[in-house]
Amino acid sequence: MSVTVKASCTVRPMEATWCGRLALSELDQTGNIGQVSFVYFYHLPQNCLSQYNTIASTLKDSLSRVLVPFYPLAGRLHWTNNGRLELDCNDTGVPFIEAESSSTVQHLSHFSSSSEYHYLVPIVDYYSLPIHELPLLVVQLTKFKCGGICVGITVSHAVVDGSSTFHFIREWARFARGESLHTVPFLDRKVLRAGEPPLVPLTKCHVLEKLNDPPLLLGRTDNREEKEKKTTMAFLKISKTQIETLQKRANESSPKPINDGGYSRYESVTGHIWRCASKARKHKENQPTELNVTVDSRGRMKPPLPKAYFGNAILDSVTCCLAGDLVSEPLGYTASRIREAIERVSDEYVRSEIEFLKNQKNLRRFHRDFHEEGREREPFYGNPNLSVVSWLRLPIYGIDFGWGKEVRMSSATHDFDGDFVLLPDPDEDGSVLVCMGLQVLHIDAFKKHFYQDIQAWHVAAPKIPFIGNLHQLGVLSHRSFQALSHKHGPLMLLQLEQVPTLIVSSADVAEEIFKTHNLVFMNRPKTTAAGIFLYGYKDVAFTPYGDEWRH
């Protein structure tokens, strides 16, 4: 795909804003402090097709106005002498790029190749320019030959997290529609600064655990070979019914009591992803594998942070286990490990981490994805590890700049090995989109396990072929039942003398069967039925059924 830049300018706040150095919180300066990118695709109404210049002007004008309340995004970062970052609020502005492409929205809004998306979002050279010259926000408007457009946005993760980013984008869209500011951003980062004296004992901090390098593949001394392998990006959709199957599976096989109504979508789907990744990567049983989860601390602090807190309020939490346990244990085991990692992020956890970071002489070793200072030392969450981020509760859709809502929205930066993001389906039908980056070598195997394992667990099939016609299965009944179980979930056939009996693991399936099949048999006296079930059988045929029959 070819994209040609036609024009560029710098958009500054429409009014003078506060200028000066703003100290970043400790949470702003750990983890990923590089860039993240998004792209929104739009079909234009008929009355807008010939008004591209007006659209560009509307975006630039509204951006200039929204930068007044969100003025930190118009500034620049600076290093201090102790490896910390400061935000220089100086109204330097936001680069705005206008481009054209020979492609179409219809084509681009359906592909899943990150190499294509990279042309549609502005790229910031984080590895050669000095930090004080790097913009914190860049926008690219691309016009397609079909008349559609896309808005690509690149923002610095050192200044905002996902919640703050989409707060800004939604307010920008409101300004573009001629509306006023809906929610004022809370810009005082002192609420996340360390206290005097320390608020909690530093010994309870888990930062040191996260500083340990994630596991390497067995027999390796570094991860260079894995880093160099080709990766690709894909989108997998998981339906509401499939999610409910995973949640039911996780809840029924949990090794410990579950509070709050069972495992969440995130815990269940992420547990499934972790298991499938180990299968696809063909890990040995004794291969350690680490999962990194990201937790929003806004509602976990005491008192809670303001919902409109503008900055980084997320923390990483990790959990590790052996691949053999991951694959052999039921899904509830994996989901329980994930819940433990999430619940660990309490008010005490957050404040102890902040206190710990405050007492470090230099924070460079805590930085990821930025310049050469931390590039070689950053944790590698590729094979055998992975990271799963949730956007399920973020308001990422419905961004209307005045010409209707987007036809598709996507991340454009999650193409690293082991990099997963969960997004709500834009149709709001309860489905989830899994945006994933994996090695090309593993992607097909992952897709296979991802769907086949769910299907094998889905026992509440509304239609059961062959029931009442078991004599038609043929001589090799085990082959027929293997195919049947792959389609409808766990099944077991008992041949009781001349009575073929289908055993299922779900009351829902049994109820469906009883509606139309074997009514005469089921209406026999209990004593006769018991005799048939207990005596005289001569053959039992089994079909693969996974963990279902363990419990």
Foldseek 3Di string as FASTA:
>chain_A
DDKFWDDKDFAFAPDDADWDKAFAFLLLQFEAQAKWKKKFWDDFPPVCLPPVVVVLVLLRVLVNHLCRLVQLQQWFWDADPLAGIIGGRDRVGEMEIEMEDADDSVVVQPDWWLVVVVSQADDWDQAPDDRRPTGQKYWYWYAYPVSIIMIMIMGGSSFFDQQQVLLSLQQSLCVLQVHHGDDRADERNVVQAADVPGPADLVPECVVVVLDAWFDAPPDPDCVVVQPFAKTKDKDKDAQLLLVLQQVQLCVQAPDDDPDPGFDSCLSLVLLLLLLLCVLVVGDQQGKEKEKEKEACQVQAVVGHPSSHGGDRIDIFMFMDGSNCSHQGTSNHSSVRVVVRHVVPHNNNSSSNSNVSVPDSHSLCRYDDGYPSNDRSDHDQAPPHAYEYEPAPHPPWDSHNPRGTGPHMDISPAAGHRYWYWYDDPVPNNMIMIIHMHRPSRPVSSVVSSPQVSQQSAQLDLDQPCAQPVVPCDDPVQVVVQVRSSRHHAWWWFCQPPDIDIDGLDPNVVVSCCVPPDVVVVPDDPVVNVCSVPDRTDDTHGYDHRCSVVD
